[in-house]
N, C-alpha and C. Protein backbone atom coordinates (compact mmCIF):
# COMPACT_ATOMS: atom_id res chain seq x y z
N MET A 1 -10.24 2.42 -30.15
CA MET A 1 -9.58 1.21 -29.72
C MET A 1 -9.02 1.36 -28.31
N TYR A 2 -8.33 2.50 -28.04
CA TYR A 2 -7.76 2.69 -26.71
C TYR A 2 -8.85 2.76 -25.65
N ARG A 3 -9.94 3.49 -25.93
CA ARG A 3 -11.02 3.65 -24.95
C ARG A 3 -11.57 2.32 -24.47
N SER A 4 -11.66 1.35 -25.34
CA SER A 4 -12.28 0.09 -24.95
C SER A 4 -11.26 -0.91 -24.41
N LYS A 5 -10.38 -1.39 -25.25
CA LYS A 5 -9.47 -2.46 -24.84
C LYS A 5 -8.15 -1.95 -24.29
N GLY A 6 -7.55 -0.97 -24.94
CA GLY A 6 -6.24 -0.50 -24.53
C GLY A 6 -6.23 0.08 -23.12
N LYS A 7 -7.24 0.87 -22.80
CA LYS A 7 -7.33 1.49 -21.48
C LYS A 7 -7.48 0.42 -20.40
N ARG A 8 -8.28 -0.60 -20.68
CA ARG A 8 -8.48 -1.68 -19.70
C ARG A 8 -7.18 -2.47 -19.48
N ILE A 9 -6.46 -2.73 -20.56
CA ILE A 9 -5.18 -3.45 -20.43
C ILE A 9 -4.21 -2.63 -19.59
N LEU A 10 -4.11 -1.32 -19.87
CA LEU A 10 -3.24 -0.44 -19.09
C LEU A 10 -3.67 -0.43 -17.63
N ASP A 11 -4.97 -0.36 -17.38
CA ASP A 11 -5.48 -0.38 -16.00
C ASP A 11 -5.07 -1.65 -15.26
N ILE A 12 -5.24 -2.79 -15.91
CA ILE A 12 -4.89 -4.07 -15.26
C ILE A 12 -3.40 -4.12 -14.95
N LEU A 13 -2.58 -3.73 -15.92
CA LEU A 13 -1.13 -3.76 -15.70
C LEU A 13 -0.71 -2.83 -14.57
N LEU A 14 -1.20 -1.58 -14.59
CA LEU A 14 -0.81 -0.61 -13.57
C LEU A 14 -1.38 -0.95 -12.20
N ALA A 15 -2.62 -1.47 -12.17
CA ALA A 15 -3.21 -1.85 -10.89
C ALA A 15 -2.47 -3.03 -10.27
N ALA A 16 -2.11 -4.00 -11.09
CA ALA A 16 -1.35 -5.15 -10.59
C ALA A 16 0.01 -4.70 -10.08
N MET A 17 0.68 -3.83 -10.83
CA MET A 17 1.97 -3.30 -10.38
C MET A 17 1.80 -2.47 -9.11
N GLY A 18 0.74 -1.68 -9.06
CA GLY A 18 0.47 -0.85 -7.88
C GLY A 18 0.23 -1.69 -6.65
N LEU A 19 -0.54 -2.77 -6.79
CA LEU A 19 -0.80 -3.66 -5.65
C LEU A 19 0.47 -4.36 -5.20
N MET A 20 1.28 -4.79 -6.15
CA MET A 20 2.52 -5.48 -5.78
C MET A 20 3.51 -4.54 -5.08
N THR A 21 3.67 -3.33 -5.63
CA THR A 21 4.65 -2.40 -5.04
C THR A 21 4.16 -1.82 -3.71
N SER A 22 2.85 -1.78 -3.52
CA SER A 22 2.33 -1.25 -2.25
C SER A 22 2.04 -2.35 -1.23
N LEU A 23 2.43 -3.57 -1.53
CA LEU A 23 2.20 -4.69 -0.62
C LEU A 23 2.68 -4.41 0.81
N PRO A 24 3.84 -3.78 1.01
CA PRO A 24 4.25 -3.49 2.39
C PRO A 24 3.20 -2.66 3.16
N PHE A 25 2.53 -1.73 2.49
CA PHE A 25 1.49 -0.95 3.15
C PHE A 25 0.32 -1.85 3.57
N PHE A 26 -0.01 -2.84 2.73
CA PHE A 26 -1.11 -3.75 3.03
C PHE A 26 -0.75 -4.73 4.15
N VAL A 27 0.52 -4.91 4.41
CA VAL A 27 0.96 -5.78 5.50
C VAL A 27 1.03 -4.99 6.81
N VAL A 28 1.61 -3.78 6.75
CA VAL A 28 1.86 -3.00 7.95
C VAL A 28 0.64 -2.18 8.39
N LEU A 29 -0.03 -1.50 7.47
CA LEU A 29 -1.08 -0.56 7.86
C LEU A 29 -2.32 -1.18 8.50
N PRO A 30 -2.88 -2.28 7.99
CA PRO A 30 -4.10 -2.79 8.63
C PRO A 30 -4.01 -3.00 10.14
N PRO A 31 -2.96 -3.68 10.65
CA PRO A 31 -2.92 -3.82 12.11
C PRO A 31 -2.70 -2.48 12.83
N VAL A 32 -1.91 -1.59 12.24
CA VAL A 32 -1.69 -0.27 12.85
C VAL A 32 -3.01 0.51 12.89
N LEU A 33 -3.73 0.51 11.78
CA LEU A 33 -5.01 1.23 11.73
C LEU A 33 -6.04 0.60 12.66
N TRP A 34 -6.04 -0.72 12.76
CA TRP A 34 -6.97 -1.41 13.66
C TRP A 34 -6.72 -0.97 15.11
N LEU A 35 -5.45 -0.92 15.49
CA LEU A 35 -5.11 -0.48 16.85
C LEU A 35 -5.42 1.00 17.06
N HIS A 36 -5.12 1.80 16.07
CA HIS A 36 -5.31 3.25 16.19
C HIS A 36 -6.79 3.65 16.24
N PHE A 37 -7.60 3.09 15.34
CA PHE A 37 -9.00 3.48 15.23
C PHE A 37 -9.96 2.54 15.97
N LYS A 38 -9.47 1.38 16.37
CA LYS A 38 -10.32 0.37 17.01
C LYS A 38 -11.51 0.02 16.12
N ALA A 39 -11.21 -0.09 14.83
CA ALA A 39 -12.25 -0.37 13.84
C ALA A 39 -11.61 -0.98 12.60
N ASN A 40 -12.45 -1.40 11.67
CA ASN A 40 -11.98 -1.94 10.40
C ASN A 40 -10.96 -0.98 9.79
N PRO A 41 -9.78 -1.47 9.42
CA PRO A 41 -8.76 -0.59 8.85
C PRO A 41 -9.09 -0.09 7.45
N PHE A 42 -10.11 -0.69 6.84
CA PHE A 42 -10.53 -0.27 5.51
C PHE A 42 -11.83 0.52 5.59
N PHE A 43 -11.91 1.54 4.78
CA PHE A 43 -13.11 2.37 4.69
C PHE A 43 -13.79 2.02 3.37
N LEU A 44 -15.05 1.63 3.45
CA LEU A 44 -15.81 1.29 2.25
C LEU A 44 -16.97 2.26 2.12
N GLN A 45 -17.21 2.74 0.91
CA GLN A 45 -18.29 3.69 0.70
C GLN A 45 -18.85 3.51 -0.71
N VAL A 46 -20.15 3.63 -0.84
CA VAL A 46 -20.80 3.51 -2.14
C VAL A 46 -20.53 4.78 -2.95
N ARG A 47 -20.15 4.60 -4.21
CA ARG A 47 -19.92 5.72 -5.13
C ARG A 47 -20.50 5.36 -6.49
N PRO A 48 -20.91 6.37 -7.26
CA PRO A 48 -21.38 6.09 -8.63
C PRO A 48 -20.21 5.95 -9.59
N GLY A 49 -20.29 4.94 -10.44
CA GLY A 49 -19.24 4.70 -11.42
C GLY A 49 -19.74 4.97 -12.83
N MET A 50 -19.22 4.19 -13.76
CA MET A 50 -19.60 4.37 -15.16
C MET A 50 -21.11 4.16 -15.32
N ASN A 51 -21.71 5.05 -16.08
CA ASN A 51 -23.16 5.06 -16.31
C ASN A 51 -23.96 5.19 -15.02
N GLY A 52 -23.33 5.72 -13.97
CA GLY A 52 -24.02 5.92 -12.70
C GLY A 52 -24.19 4.66 -11.87
N ARG A 53 -23.63 3.53 -12.33
CA ARG A 53 -23.75 2.27 -11.59
C ARG A 53 -22.98 2.39 -10.28
N LEU A 54 -23.63 2.03 -9.17
CA LEU A 54 -23.01 2.15 -7.86
C LEU A 54 -22.03 1.01 -7.61
N PHE A 55 -20.93 1.33 -6.96
CA PHE A 55 -19.94 0.34 -6.56
C PHE A 55 -19.38 0.74 -5.21
N MET A 56 -18.65 -0.16 -4.58
CA MET A 56 -18.07 0.08 -3.26
C MET A 56 -16.61 0.47 -3.41
N ILE A 57 -16.29 1.74 -3.10
CA ILE A 57 -14.90 2.20 -3.17
C ILE A 57 -14.18 1.77 -1.89
N LEU A 58 -12.91 1.48 -2.03
CA LEU A 58 -12.11 0.96 -0.93
C LEU A 58 -10.94 1.92 -0.65
N LYS A 59 -10.76 2.27 0.61
CA LYS A 59 -9.65 3.12 1.03
C LYS A 59 -9.14 2.64 2.39
N PHE A 60 -7.95 3.07 2.77
CA PHE A 60 -7.52 2.86 4.15
C PHE A 60 -8.25 3.88 5.02
N ARG A 61 -8.66 3.47 6.20
CA ARG A 61 -9.39 4.34 7.12
C ARG A 61 -8.50 5.52 7.54
N THR A 62 -9.10 6.71 7.57
CA THR A 62 -8.38 7.91 8.03
C THR A 62 -9.16 8.66 9.11
N MET A 63 -10.40 8.24 9.37
CA MET A 63 -11.25 8.94 10.34
C MET A 63 -11.73 8.00 11.44
N HIS A 64 -11.96 8.58 12.61
CA HIS A 64 -12.56 7.83 13.71
C HIS A 64 -14.02 7.53 13.34
N VAL A 65 -14.48 6.35 13.66
CA VAL A 65 -15.80 5.90 13.23
C VAL A 65 -16.92 6.76 13.79
N ASN A 66 -16.98 6.95 15.10
CA ASN A 66 -18.10 7.67 15.71
C ASN A 66 -17.89 9.17 15.80
N LYS A 67 -16.66 9.60 15.84
CA LYS A 67 -16.36 11.03 16.00
C LYS A 67 -16.33 11.76 14.65
N HIS A 68 -16.12 11.03 13.58
CA HIS A 68 -16.00 11.62 12.24
C HIS A 68 -14.93 12.70 12.19
N THR A 69 -13.83 12.45 12.91
CA THR A 69 -12.70 13.38 12.89
C THR A 69 -11.48 12.64 12.33
N ILE A 70 -10.63 13.40 11.69
CA ILE A 70 -9.40 12.82 11.12
C ILE A 70 -8.30 12.91 12.16
N SER A 71 -7.65 11.80 12.40
CA SER A 71 -6.55 11.76 13.37
C SER A 71 -5.26 12.21 12.68
N TRP A 72 -4.20 12.35 13.48
CA TRP A 72 -2.89 12.71 12.92
C TRP A 72 -2.44 11.65 11.92
N LEU A 73 -2.72 10.40 12.21
CA LEU A 73 -2.35 9.32 11.30
C LEU A 73 -3.16 9.41 10.00
N GLY A 74 -4.44 9.68 10.15
CA GLY A 74 -5.30 9.84 8.98
C GLY A 74 -4.86 10.99 8.09
N ARG A 75 -4.49 12.11 8.71
CA ARG A 75 -4.00 13.27 7.94
C ARG A 75 -2.74 12.90 7.15
N SER A 76 -1.85 12.15 7.81
CA SER A 76 -0.62 11.72 7.13
C SER A 76 -0.92 10.82 5.95
N LEU A 77 -1.85 9.90 6.12
CA LEU A 77 -2.23 9.00 5.03
C LEU A 77 -2.85 9.77 3.87
N ARG A 78 -3.70 10.74 4.19
CA ARG A 78 -4.34 11.54 3.13
C ARG A 78 -3.32 12.44 2.43
N ARG A 79 -2.45 13.08 3.21
CA ARG A 79 -1.46 13.99 2.63
C ARG A 79 -0.56 13.26 1.64
N SER A 80 -0.22 12.02 1.97
CA SER A 80 0.67 11.22 1.11
C SER A 80 -0.10 10.40 0.07
N SER A 81 -1.43 10.44 0.13
CA SER A 81 -2.32 9.66 -0.75
C SER A 81 -2.21 8.15 -0.52
N VAL A 82 -1.59 7.73 0.56
CA VAL A 82 -1.50 6.30 0.87
C VAL A 82 -2.89 5.72 1.13
N ASP A 83 -3.82 6.54 1.64
CA ASP A 83 -5.17 6.04 1.90
C ASP A 83 -5.87 5.57 0.63
N GLU A 84 -5.40 6.02 -0.54
CA GLU A 84 -6.03 5.67 -1.82
C GLU A 84 -5.51 4.35 -2.39
N LEU A 85 -4.44 3.79 -1.86
CA LEU A 85 -3.83 2.58 -2.43
C LEU A 85 -4.80 1.41 -2.60
N PRO A 86 -5.74 1.16 -1.68
CA PRO A 86 -6.67 0.06 -1.90
C PRO A 86 -7.52 0.18 -3.16
N GLN A 87 -7.59 1.37 -3.74
CA GLN A 87 -8.36 1.54 -4.96
C GLN A 87 -7.73 0.84 -6.16
N PHE A 88 -6.47 0.42 -6.04
CA PHE A 88 -5.90 -0.42 -7.09
C PHE A 88 -6.76 -1.68 -7.25
N TRP A 89 -7.34 -2.16 -6.14
CA TRP A 89 -8.24 -3.31 -6.22
C TRP A 89 -9.49 -2.95 -7.02
N ASN A 90 -10.06 -1.75 -6.76
CA ASN A 90 -11.22 -1.29 -7.53
C ASN A 90 -10.92 -1.25 -9.02
N VAL A 91 -9.69 -0.86 -9.36
CA VAL A 91 -9.28 -0.81 -10.77
C VAL A 91 -9.15 -2.22 -11.32
N LEU A 92 -8.51 -3.10 -10.56
CA LEU A 92 -8.29 -4.47 -11.02
C LEU A 92 -9.61 -5.19 -11.30
N VAL A 93 -10.62 -4.99 -10.45
CA VAL A 93 -11.91 -5.68 -10.66
C VAL A 93 -12.80 -4.96 -11.68
N GLY A 94 -12.38 -3.79 -12.14
CA GLY A 94 -13.10 -3.12 -13.22
C GLY A 94 -14.10 -2.06 -12.82
N ASP A 95 -14.19 -1.72 -11.52
CA ASP A 95 -15.10 -0.65 -11.10
C ASP A 95 -14.55 0.73 -11.40
N MET A 96 -13.22 0.83 -11.43
CA MET A 96 -12.56 2.11 -11.64
C MET A 96 -11.47 1.95 -12.68
N SER A 97 -10.90 3.08 -13.06
CA SER A 97 -9.76 3.14 -13.96
C SER A 97 -8.64 3.87 -13.21
N ILE A 98 -7.43 3.76 -13.70
CA ILE A 98 -6.34 4.54 -13.09
C ILE A 98 -6.63 6.03 -13.30
N VAL A 99 -7.05 6.40 -14.51
CA VAL A 99 -7.34 7.80 -14.84
C VAL A 99 -8.80 7.95 -15.24
N GLY A 100 -9.44 8.96 -14.70
CA GLY A 100 -10.83 9.28 -15.02
C GLY A 100 -11.34 10.28 -14.01
N PRO A 101 -12.57 10.73 -14.14
CA PRO A 101 -13.13 11.64 -13.14
C PRO A 101 -13.22 10.94 -11.78
N ARG A 102 -12.84 11.62 -10.71
CA ARG A 102 -12.94 11.03 -9.38
C ARG A 102 -14.39 10.74 -9.05
N PRO A 103 -14.68 9.57 -8.46
CA PRO A 103 -16.07 9.25 -8.11
C PRO A 103 -16.53 10.08 -6.92
N LEU A 104 -17.60 10.81 -7.11
CA LEU A 104 -18.16 11.64 -6.06
C LEU A 104 -19.20 10.84 -5.27
N LEU A 105 -19.81 11.45 -4.30
CA LEU A 105 -20.82 10.77 -3.50
C LEU A 105 -22.14 10.65 -4.28
N PRO A 106 -22.91 9.59 -4.05
CA PRO A 106 -24.17 9.40 -4.77
C PRO A 106 -25.18 10.52 -4.53
N GLU A 107 -25.12 11.16 -3.36
CA GLU A 107 -26.08 12.22 -3.08
C GLU A 107 -25.89 13.45 -3.98
N TYR A 108 -24.75 13.53 -4.67
CA TYR A 108 -24.53 14.64 -5.61
C TYR A 108 -25.21 14.40 -6.96
N LEU A 109 -25.56 13.17 -7.27
CA LEU A 109 -26.13 12.85 -8.58
C LEU A 109 -27.31 13.75 -8.96
N PRO A 110 -28.27 14.01 -8.06
CA PRO A 110 -29.40 14.88 -8.45
C PRO A 110 -29.00 16.33 -8.73
N LEU A 111 -27.80 16.73 -8.31
CA LEU A 111 -27.35 18.10 -8.51
C LEU A 111 -26.72 18.33 -9.89
N TYR A 112 -26.41 17.24 -10.61
CA TYR A 112 -25.77 17.37 -11.91
C TYR A 112 -26.75 17.92 -12.94
N ASN A 113 -26.24 18.80 -13.80
CA ASN A 113 -27.06 19.19 -14.95
C ASN A 113 -26.84 18.13 -16.05
N THR A 114 -27.51 18.26 -17.16
CA THR A 114 -27.43 17.26 -18.23
C THR A 114 -26.00 17.06 -18.70
N GLU A 115 -25.28 18.15 -18.89
CA GLU A 115 -23.90 18.04 -19.36
C GLU A 115 -23.00 17.38 -18.31
N GLN A 116 -23.18 17.74 -17.05
CA GLN A 116 -22.35 17.19 -15.99
C GLN A 116 -22.53 15.68 -15.83
N ARG A 117 -23.71 15.18 -16.15
CA ARG A 117 -23.95 13.73 -16.07
C ARG A 117 -23.04 12.95 -17.01
N LEU A 118 -22.52 13.61 -18.03
CA LEU A 118 -21.64 12.95 -19.00
C LEU A 118 -20.32 12.50 -18.38
N ARG A 119 -20.00 12.99 -17.18
CA ARG A 119 -18.77 12.54 -16.52
C ARG A 119 -18.83 11.04 -16.24
N HIS A 120 -20.04 10.47 -16.25
CA HIS A 120 -20.21 9.04 -16.00
C HIS A 120 -20.17 8.21 -17.29
N ALA A 121 -19.75 8.83 -18.39
CA ALA A 121 -19.62 8.11 -19.66
C ALA A 121 -18.33 7.29 -19.70
N THR A 122 -17.51 7.43 -18.69
CA THR A 122 -16.28 6.65 -18.57
C THR A 122 -16.14 6.22 -17.11
N LYS A 123 -15.27 5.26 -16.86
CA LYS A 123 -15.07 4.80 -15.48
C LYS A 123 -14.42 5.90 -14.66
N PRO A 124 -14.78 5.98 -13.38
CA PRO A 124 -14.10 6.94 -12.51
C PRO A 124 -12.66 6.51 -12.30
N GLY A 125 -11.82 7.47 -11.95
CA GLY A 125 -10.40 7.18 -11.83
C GLY A 125 -9.83 7.43 -10.45
N MET A 126 -8.67 6.82 -10.22
CA MET A 126 -7.92 7.10 -9.00
C MET A 126 -7.34 8.52 -9.07
N THR A 127 -7.06 8.96 -10.29
CA THR A 127 -6.59 10.32 -10.51
C THR A 127 -7.24 10.83 -11.79
N GLY A 128 -7.16 12.12 -12.00
CA GLY A 128 -7.77 12.69 -13.20
C GLY A 128 -7.27 14.11 -13.43
N LEU A 129 -7.80 14.74 -14.45
CA LEU A 129 -7.39 16.11 -14.78
C LEU A 129 -7.63 17.08 -13.62
N ALA A 130 -8.77 16.94 -12.96
CA ALA A 130 -9.07 17.85 -11.84
C ALA A 130 -8.08 17.66 -10.70
N GLN A 131 -7.64 16.42 -10.48
CA GLN A 131 -6.71 16.14 -9.38
C GLN A 131 -5.33 16.73 -9.63
N VAL A 132 -4.89 16.75 -10.87
CA VAL A 132 -3.56 17.30 -11.15
C VAL A 132 -3.62 18.80 -11.45
N ASN A 133 -4.82 19.36 -11.42
CA ASN A 133 -4.98 20.78 -11.70
C ASN A 133 -5.60 21.56 -10.54
N GLY A 134 -5.41 21.07 -9.33
CA GLY A 134 -5.88 21.84 -8.19
C GLY A 134 -6.67 21.06 -7.16
N ARG A 135 -7.16 19.91 -7.53
CA ARG A 135 -7.87 19.01 -6.62
C ARG A 135 -8.96 19.74 -5.85
N ASN A 136 -8.84 19.87 -4.55
CA ASN A 136 -9.92 20.44 -3.73
C ASN A 136 -9.97 21.96 -3.75
N GLN A 137 -8.98 22.60 -4.37
CA GLN A 137 -9.02 24.06 -4.48
C GLN A 137 -9.91 24.51 -5.64
N LEU A 138 -10.33 23.57 -6.48
CA LEU A 138 -11.15 23.92 -7.64
C LEU A 138 -12.61 24.07 -7.27
N SER A 139 -13.29 24.93 -7.98
CA SER A 139 -14.74 25.06 -7.81
C SER A 139 -15.42 23.83 -8.41
N TRP A 140 -16.64 23.59 -8.01
CA TRP A 140 -17.46 22.50 -8.56
C TRP A 140 -17.48 22.59 -10.09
N GLU A 141 -17.72 23.79 -10.62
CA GLU A 141 -17.81 23.98 -12.07
C GLU A 141 -16.50 23.65 -12.76
N LYS A 142 -15.37 24.09 -12.17
CA LYS A 142 -14.07 23.84 -12.79
C LYS A 142 -13.73 22.36 -12.77
N LYS A 143 -14.06 21.65 -11.68
CA LYS A 143 -13.84 20.20 -11.62
C LYS A 143 -14.60 19.51 -12.75
N PHE A 144 -15.85 19.91 -12.92
CA PHE A 144 -16.65 19.30 -13.98
C PHE A 144 -16.12 19.66 -15.36
N GLU A 145 -15.60 20.87 -15.51
CA GLU A 145 -15.00 21.25 -16.79
C GLU A 145 -13.84 20.31 -17.13
N TYR A 146 -12.97 20.06 -16.15
CA TYR A 146 -11.86 19.13 -16.36
C TYR A 146 -12.37 17.71 -16.62
N ASP A 147 -13.36 17.27 -15.84
CA ASP A 147 -13.90 15.92 -16.01
C ASP A 147 -14.49 15.73 -17.41
N LEU A 148 -15.26 16.70 -17.86
CA LEU A 148 -15.89 16.58 -19.18
C LEU A 148 -14.86 16.68 -20.30
N HIS A 149 -13.83 17.50 -20.10
CA HIS A 149 -12.76 17.55 -21.09
C HIS A 149 -12.11 16.18 -21.21
N TYR A 150 -11.87 15.54 -20.06
CA TYR A 150 -11.26 14.21 -20.08
C TYR A 150 -12.15 13.22 -20.82
N VAL A 151 -13.43 13.20 -20.49
CA VAL A 151 -14.37 12.26 -21.12
C VAL A 151 -14.36 12.43 -22.64
N ASP A 152 -14.30 13.68 -23.10
CA ASP A 152 -14.31 13.96 -24.55
C ASP A 152 -12.99 13.65 -25.24
N ASN A 153 -11.90 13.56 -24.47
CA ASN A 153 -10.57 13.46 -25.08
C ASN A 153 -9.73 12.30 -24.57
N VAL A 154 -10.37 11.24 -24.08
CA VAL A 154 -9.63 10.09 -23.56
C VAL A 154 -8.65 9.59 -24.61
N SER A 155 -7.39 9.44 -24.20
CA SER A 155 -6.37 8.90 -25.09
C SER A 155 -5.23 8.37 -24.24
N LEU A 156 -4.41 7.52 -24.84
CA LEU A 156 -3.24 7.00 -24.14
C LEU A 156 -2.31 8.15 -23.76
N ALA A 157 -2.09 9.09 -24.67
CA ALA A 157 -1.19 10.20 -24.39
C ALA A 157 -1.69 11.04 -23.21
N LEU A 158 -2.99 11.32 -23.17
CA LEU A 158 -3.54 12.12 -22.07
C LEU A 158 -3.44 11.34 -20.76
N ASP A 159 -3.76 10.06 -20.78
CA ASP A 159 -3.65 9.24 -19.57
C ASP A 159 -2.22 9.23 -19.05
N LEU A 160 -1.25 9.06 -19.93
CA LEU A 160 0.15 9.02 -19.51
C LEU A 160 0.59 10.35 -18.92
N ARG A 161 0.13 11.45 -19.50
CA ARG A 161 0.47 12.78 -18.95
C ARG A 161 -0.12 12.97 -17.56
N ILE A 162 -1.36 12.52 -17.37
CA ILE A 162 -2.01 12.65 -16.06
C ILE A 162 -1.32 11.75 -15.03
N ILE A 163 -0.99 10.53 -15.42
CA ILE A 163 -0.29 9.62 -14.51
C ILE A 163 1.06 10.21 -14.10
N PHE A 164 1.80 10.72 -15.07
CA PHE A 164 3.10 11.33 -14.77
C PHE A 164 2.94 12.53 -13.84
N ALA A 165 1.98 13.41 -14.15
CA ALA A 165 1.75 14.59 -13.31
C ALA A 165 1.34 14.19 -11.90
N THR A 166 0.54 13.13 -11.78
CA THR A 166 0.12 12.64 -10.47
C THR A 166 1.33 12.14 -9.67
N LEU A 167 2.18 11.36 -10.30
CA LEU A 167 3.37 10.84 -9.62
C LEU A 167 4.27 11.97 -9.15
N VAL A 168 4.47 12.97 -10.00
CA VAL A 168 5.31 14.12 -9.63
C VAL A 168 4.71 14.82 -8.42
N LYS A 169 3.41 15.04 -8.43
CA LYS A 169 2.76 15.74 -7.31
C LYS A 169 2.83 14.92 -6.02
N ILE A 170 2.60 13.62 -6.11
CA ILE A 170 2.64 12.78 -4.91
C ILE A 170 4.06 12.72 -4.36
N LEU A 171 5.03 12.50 -5.22
CA LEU A 171 6.41 12.37 -4.76
C LEU A 171 7.00 13.69 -4.25
N SER A 172 6.43 14.81 -4.70
CA SER A 172 6.92 16.10 -4.22
C SER A 172 6.00 16.69 -3.15
N PHE A 173 4.96 15.92 -2.74
CA PHE A 173 3.98 16.36 -1.75
C PHE A 173 3.28 17.65 -2.17
N ARG A 174 3.09 17.83 -3.49
CA ARG A 174 2.38 19.01 -3.99
C ARG A 174 1.04 18.61 -4.58
N HIS A 175 0.50 17.47 -4.22
CA HIS A 175 -0.70 16.99 -4.89
C HIS A 175 -1.99 17.65 -4.42
N THR A 176 -1.93 18.55 -3.46
CA THR A 176 -3.14 19.26 -3.09
C THR A 176 -3.20 20.64 -3.74
N ALA A 177 -2.11 21.03 -4.35
CA ALA A 177 -2.07 22.31 -5.06
C ALA A 177 -0.86 22.28 -5.98
N GLY A 178 -0.51 23.41 -6.53
CA GLY A 178 0.71 23.48 -7.32
C GLY A 178 0.46 23.61 -8.80
N GLU A 179 1.50 23.31 -9.56
CA GLU A 179 1.46 23.44 -11.01
C GLU A 179 0.35 22.60 -11.63
N ALA A 180 -0.26 23.12 -12.65
CA ALA A 180 -1.33 22.41 -13.34
C ALA A 180 -0.87 22.03 -14.73
N LEU A 181 -1.53 21.03 -15.30
CA LEU A 181 -1.30 20.74 -16.71
C LEU A 181 -1.87 21.90 -17.50
N PRO A 182 -1.16 22.42 -18.47
CA PRO A 182 -1.70 23.53 -19.25
C PRO A 182 -3.03 23.13 -19.88
N PHE A 183 -4.06 23.95 -19.67
CA PHE A 183 -5.41 23.64 -20.15
C PHE A 183 -6.00 24.93 -20.71
N LYS A 184 -6.37 24.88 -21.96
CA LYS A 184 -6.97 26.05 -22.59
C LYS A 184 -8.26 25.63 -23.29
N GLY A 185 -9.38 26.12 -22.75
CA GLY A 185 -10.66 25.80 -23.36
C GLY A 185 -10.93 24.33 -23.37
N ASN A 186 -10.90 23.73 -24.56
CA ASN A 186 -11.22 22.31 -24.65
C ASN A 186 -9.99 21.49 -24.99
N LYS A 187 -8.79 22.00 -24.70
CA LYS A 187 -7.58 21.29 -25.09
C LYS A 187 -6.53 21.35 -23.98
N VAL A 188 -5.95 20.19 -23.67
CA VAL A 188 -4.82 20.16 -22.76
C VAL A 188 -3.58 20.31 -23.61
N CYS A 189 -2.78 21.34 -23.30
CA CYS A 189 -1.59 21.62 -24.11
C CYS A 189 -0.46 20.67 -23.81
């Protein structure tokens, strides 16, 4: 029941709240980013979602268009995860969930083994087990281990724990490393 209707209801409520509370960023950042990057303040990129269906992910721009370098402003947005706020829209329209495996690039799809493809059995998330357990410090295999554990164990309790851990990491600026949710084999403690 939670996987189908309950998770979607939670996503809509949290995405709507997220968009409302982050409204000041949507008012202030676009003109600042437009002036800073001399380009569209939003970054759009195709990503695979549930069942591998492609969708357009939305973020605030953090890189120069032609140079492909991150500016000081872009680094600040990424460090604080503010660049991810537009993804509340992706959640609201149903392409993403608040919690789930992070959507990777489509060019990685051919690299997945049969088991790894199962990460697409649920909607991708703004945050997930891999994000609260090391994010970019994790190996490819460990990220997939966390993603597959999540897919096999989706529940309201697990989602709430991941959301809470994400908020703690963002508010303490430890979201690129730090404490992990206890994880043993196929069970989050």
